[in-house]
Protein backbone atom coordinates (compact mmCIF):
# COMPACT_ATOMS: atom_id res chain seq x y z
CA UNK A 1 0.00 0.00 0.00
CA UNK A 2 2.76 2.40 0.92
CA UNK A 3 4.47 1.75 -2.41
CA UNK A 4 1.34 2.79 -4.33
CA UNK A 5 1.07 6.00 -2.34
CA UNK A 6 4.78 6.73 -2.81
CA UNK A 7 4.55 6.06 -6.54
CA UNK A 8 1.51 8.30 -6.82
CA UNK A 9 3.30 11.08 -4.96
CA UNK A 10 5.99 11.11 -7.62
CA UNK A 11 3.46 11.78 -10.40
CA UNK A 12 3.25 15.18 -12.03
CA UNK A 13 -0.52 15.47 -11.94
CA UNK A 14 -2.51 15.51 -8.74
CA UNK A 15 -5.21 13.45 -10.48
CA UNK A 16 -2.72 10.64 -11.05
CA UNK A 17 -1.74 10.73 -7.39
CA UNK A 18 -5.42 10.36 -6.42
CA UNK A 19 -5.80 7.42 -8.82
CA UNK A 20 -2.97 5.58 -7.11
CA UNK A 21 -4.67 6.21 -3.76
CA UNK A 22 -7.91 4.78 -5.13
CA UNK A 23 -5.97 1.67 -6.12
CA UNK A 24 -4.77 1.46 -2.53
CA UNK A 25 -8.39 1.47 -1.35
CA UNK A 26 -9.24 -1.28 -3.82
CA UNK A 27 -6.35 -3.38 -2.54
CA UNK A 28 -7.45 -2.84 1.06
CA UNK A 29 -10.94 -4.07 0.25
CA UNK A 30 -9.40 -7.10 -1.47
CA UNK A 31 -7.59 -7.87 1.78
CA UNK A 32 -10.91 -7.74 3.64
CA UNK A 33 -12.32 -10.20 1.13
CA UNK A 34 -9.38 -12.55 1.62
CA UNK A 35 -9.71 -12.25 5.40
CA UNK A 36 -13.37 -13.16 5.05
CA UNK A 37 -12.44 -16.29 3.10
CA UNK A 38 -9.83 -17.20 5.69
CA UNK A 39 -12.38 -16.70 8.46
CA UNK A 40 -14.87 -18.92 6.61
CA UNK A 41 -12.17 -21.62 6.53
CA UNK A 42 -11.72 -21.13 10.29
CA UNK A 43 -8.12 -19.92 10.18
CA UNK A 44 -8.89 -17.46 12.98
CA UNK A 45 -11.65 -16.39 15.33
CA UNK A 46 -14.50 -13.96 14.71
CA UNK A 47 -12.90 -11.51 17.16
CA UNK A 48 -9.67 -11.59 15.16
CA UNK A 49 -11.59 -11.03 11.93
CA UNK A 50 -13.41 -8.03 13.42
CA UNK A 51 -10.12 -6.60 14.68
CA UNK A 52 -8.30 -6.97 11.35
CA UNK A 53 -11.27 -5.64 9.42
CA UNK A 54 -11.53 -2.56 11.65
CA UNK A 55 -7.79 -1.89 11.22
CA UNK A 56 -8.13 -2.08 7.44
CA UNK A 57 -11.20 0.18 7.48
CA UNK A 58 -9.13 2.68 9.49
CA UNK A 59 -6.51 2.58 6.72
CA UNK A 60 -9.23 3.16 4.11
CA UNK A 61 -10.41 6.19 6.06
CA UNK A 62 -6.87 7.57 6.24
CA UNK A 63 -6.40 7.15 2.50
CA UNK A 64 -9.79 8.77 1.85
CA UNK A 65 -8.69 11.70 4.02
CA UNK A 66 -5.55 12.03 1.92
CA UNK A 67 -7.62 11.90 -1.29
CA UNK A 68 -9.88 14.64 0.11
CA UNK A 69 -6.80 16.71 0.95
CA UNK A 70 -5.50 16.26 -2.59
CA UNK A 71 -8.88 17.20 -4.04
CA UNK A 72 -9.02 20.41 -2.01
CA UNK A 73 -5.44 21.36 -2.78
CA UNK A 74 -5.58 20.32 -6.44
CA UNK A 75 -5.78 23.90 -7.66
CA UNK A 76 -2.62 24.83 -5.80
CA UNK A 77 -0.76 21.55 -6.39
CA UNK A 78 2.88 22.20 -7.17
CA UNK A 79 5.52 19.60 -7.96
CA UNK A 80 8.69 19.85 -5.96
CA UNK A 81 11.62 21.30 -7.82
CA UNK A 82 13.86 18.70 -9.36
CA UNK A 83 17.44 18.59 -8.17
CA UNK A 84 20.14 19.43 -10.66
CA UNK A 85 22.87 16.83 -10.36
CA UNK A 86 25.10 18.47 -12.94
CA UNK A 87 28.68 18.42 -11.65
CA UNK A 88 30.09 20.43 -14.58
CA UNK A 89 29.87 23.88 -13.05
C-alpha atoms as a PDB file:
ATOM      1  CA  UNK A   1       0.000   0.000   0.000  1.00  0.00           C
ATOM      2  CA  UNK A   2       2.763   2.405   0.921  1.00  0.00           C
ATOM      3  CA  UNK A   3       4.471   1.751  -2.408  1.00  0.00           C
ATOM      4  CA  UNK A   4       1.340   2.786  -4.330  1.00  0.00           C
ATOM      5  CA  UNK A   5       1.068   6.003  -2.337  1.00  0.00           C
ATOM      6  CA  UNK A   6       4.776   6.729  -2.814  1.00  0.00           C
ATOM      7  CA  UNK A   7       4.554   6.061  -6.543  1.00  0.00           C
ATOM      8  CA  UNK A   8       1.508   8.296  -6.821  1.00  0.00           C
ATOM      9  CA  UNK A   9       3.304  11.076  -4.962  1.00  0.00           C
ATOM     10  CA  UNK A  10       5.993  11.111  -7.624  1.00  0.00           C
ATOM     11  CA  UNK A  11       3.458  11.783 -10.400  1.00  0.00           C
ATOM     12  CA  UNK A  12       3.252  15.177 -12.027  1.00  0.00           C
ATOM     13  CA  UNK A  13      -0.521  15.473 -11.944  1.00  0.00           C
ATOM     14  CA  UNK A  14      -2.515  15.513  -8.739  1.00  0.00           C
ATOM     15  CA  UNK A  15      -5.205  13.454 -10.480  1.00  0.00           C
ATOM     16  CA  UNK A  16      -2.718  10.641 -11.051  1.00  0.00           C
ATOM     17  CA  UNK A  17      -1.745  10.733  -7.389  1.00  0.00           C
ATOM     18  CA  UNK A  18      -5.415  10.357  -6.418  1.00  0.00           C
ATOM     19  CA  UNK A  19      -5.800   7.422  -8.818  1.00  0.00           C
ATOM     20  CA  UNK A  20      -2.966   5.577  -7.106  1.00  0.00           C
ATOM     21  CA  UNK A  21      -4.672   6.211  -3.761  1.00  0.00           C
ATOM     22  CA  UNK A  22      -7.914   4.776  -5.134  1.00  0.00           C
ATOM     23  CA  UNK A  23      -5.968   1.674  -6.119  1.00  0.00           C
ATOM     24  CA  UNK A  24      -4.765   1.455  -2.525  1.00  0.00           C
ATOM     25  CA  UNK A  25      -8.386   1.474  -1.346  1.00  0.00           C
ATOM     26  CA  UNK A  26      -9.243  -1.281  -3.815  1.00  0.00           C
ATOM     27  CA  UNK A  27      -6.348  -3.381  -2.539  1.00  0.00           C
ATOM     28  CA  UNK A  28      -7.447  -2.842   1.055  1.00  0.00           C
ATOM     29  CA  UNK A  29     -10.937  -4.068   0.249  1.00  0.00           C
ATOM     30  CA  UNK A  30      -9.404  -7.100  -1.469  1.00  0.00           C
ATOM     31  CA  UNK A  31      -7.591  -7.867   1.780  1.00  0.00           C
ATOM     32  CA  UNK A  32     -10.910  -7.735   3.643  1.00  0.00           C
ATOM     33  CA  UNK A  33     -12.322 -10.204   1.127  1.00  0.00           C
ATOM     34  CA  UNK A  34      -9.380 -12.552   1.624  1.00  0.00           C
ATOM     35  CA  UNK A  35      -9.709 -12.252   5.396  1.00  0.00           C
ATOM     36  CA  UNK A  36     -13.368 -13.155   5.052  1.00  0.00           C
ATOM     37  CA  UNK A  37     -12.444 -16.287   3.103  1.00  0.00           C
ATOM     38  CA  UNK A  38      -9.829 -17.198   5.693  1.00  0.00           C
ATOM     39  CA  UNK A  39     -12.381 -16.697   8.464  1.00  0.00           C
ATOM     40  CA  UNK A  40     -14.865 -18.923   6.611  1.00  0.00           C
ATOM     41  CA  UNK A  41     -12.173 -21.616   6.526  1.00  0.00           C
ATOM     42  CA  UNK A  42     -11.723 -21.132  10.291  1.00  0.00           C
ATOM     43  CA  UNK A  43      -8.125 -19.924  10.176  1.00  0.00           C
ATOM     44  CA  UNK A  44      -8.893 -17.459  12.975  1.00  0.00           C
ATOM     45  CA  UNK A  45     -11.653 -16.389  15.334  1.00  0.00           C
ATOM     46  CA  UNK A  46     -14.498 -13.963  14.714  1.00  0.00           C
ATOM     47  CA  UNK A  47     -12.904 -11.514  17.156  1.00  0.00           C
ATOM     48  CA  UNK A  48      -9.670 -11.588  15.163  1.00  0.00           C
ATOM     49  CA  UNK A  49     -11.595 -11.031  11.934  1.00  0.00           C
ATOM     50  CA  UNK A  50     -13.408  -8.033  13.417  1.00  0.00           C
ATOM     51  CA  UNK A  51     -10.117  -6.596  14.676  1.00  0.00           C
ATOM     52  CA  UNK A  52      -8.300  -6.973  11.351  1.00  0.00           C
ATOM     53  CA  UNK A  53     -11.266  -5.635   9.416  1.00  0.00           C
ATOM     54  CA  UNK A  54     -11.530  -2.557  11.651  1.00  0.00           C
ATOM     55  CA  UNK A  55      -7.792  -1.892  11.218  1.00  0.00           C
ATOM     56  CA  UNK A  56      -8.131  -2.082   7.442  1.00  0.00           C
ATOM     57  CA  UNK A  57     -11.202   0.183   7.480  1.00  0.00           C
ATOM     58  CA  UNK A  58      -9.127   2.681   9.488  1.00  0.00           C
ATOM     59  CA  UNK A  59      -6.512   2.580   6.719  1.00  0.00           C
ATOM     60  CA  UNK A  60      -9.228   3.163   4.105  1.00  0.00           C
ATOM     61  CA  UNK A  61     -10.411   6.189   6.065  1.00  0.00           C
ATOM     62  CA  UNK A  62      -6.866   7.573   6.239  1.00  0.00           C
ATOM     63  CA  UNK A  63      -6.396   7.145   2.498  1.00  0.00           C
ATOM     64  CA  UNK A  64      -9.787   8.769   1.852  1.00  0.00           C
ATOM     65  CA  UNK A  65      -8.690  11.701   4.015  1.00  0.00           C
ATOM     66  CA  UNK A  66      -5.548  12.029   1.921  1.00  0.00           C
ATOM     67  CA  UNK A  67      -7.619  11.899  -1.287  1.00  0.00           C
ATOM     68  CA  UNK A  68      -9.878  14.644   0.109  1.00  0.00           C
ATOM     69  CA  UNK A  69      -6.800  16.711   0.946  1.00  0.00           C
ATOM     70  CA  UNK A  70      -5.495  16.265  -2.594  1.00  0.00           C
ATOM     71  CA  UNK A  71      -8.880  17.197  -4.042  1.00  0.00           C
ATOM     72  CA  UNK A  72      -9.022  20.412  -2.011  1.00  0.00           C
ATOM     73  CA  UNK A  73      -5.439  21.356  -2.784  1.00  0.00           C
ATOM     74  CA  UNK A  74      -5.583  20.320  -6.442  1.00  0.00           C
ATOM     75  CA  UNK A  75      -5.780  23.902  -7.662  1.00  0.00           C
ATOM     76  CA  UNK A  76      -2.618  24.832  -5.798  1.00  0.00           C
ATOM     77  CA  UNK A  77      -0.760  21.549  -6.386  1.00  0.00           C
ATOM     78  CA  UNK A  78       2.880  22.203  -7.172  1.00  0.00           C
ATOM     79  CA  UNK A  79       5.518  19.605  -7.963  1.00  0.00           C
ATOM     80  CA  UNK A  80       8.689  19.848  -5.959  1.00  0.00           C
ATOM     81  CA  UNK A  81      11.624  21.301  -7.819  1.00  0.00           C
ATOM     82  CA  UNK A  82      13.861  18.704  -9.356  1.00  0.00           C
ATOM     83  CA  UNK A  83      17.437  18.592  -8.166  1.00  0.00           C
ATOM     84  CA  UNK A  84      20.143  19.431 -10.660  1.00  0.00           C
ATOM     85  CA  UNK A  85      22.873  16.828 -10.360  1.00  0.00           C
ATOM     86  CA  UNK A  86      25.103  18.472 -12.937  1.00  0.00           C
ATOM     87  CA  UNK A  87      28.678  18.423 -11.646  1.00  0.00           C
ATOM     88  CA  UNK A  88      30.085  20.430 -14.578  1.00  0.00           C
ATOM     89  CA  UNK A  89      29.866  23.875 -13.048  1.00  0.00           C
END
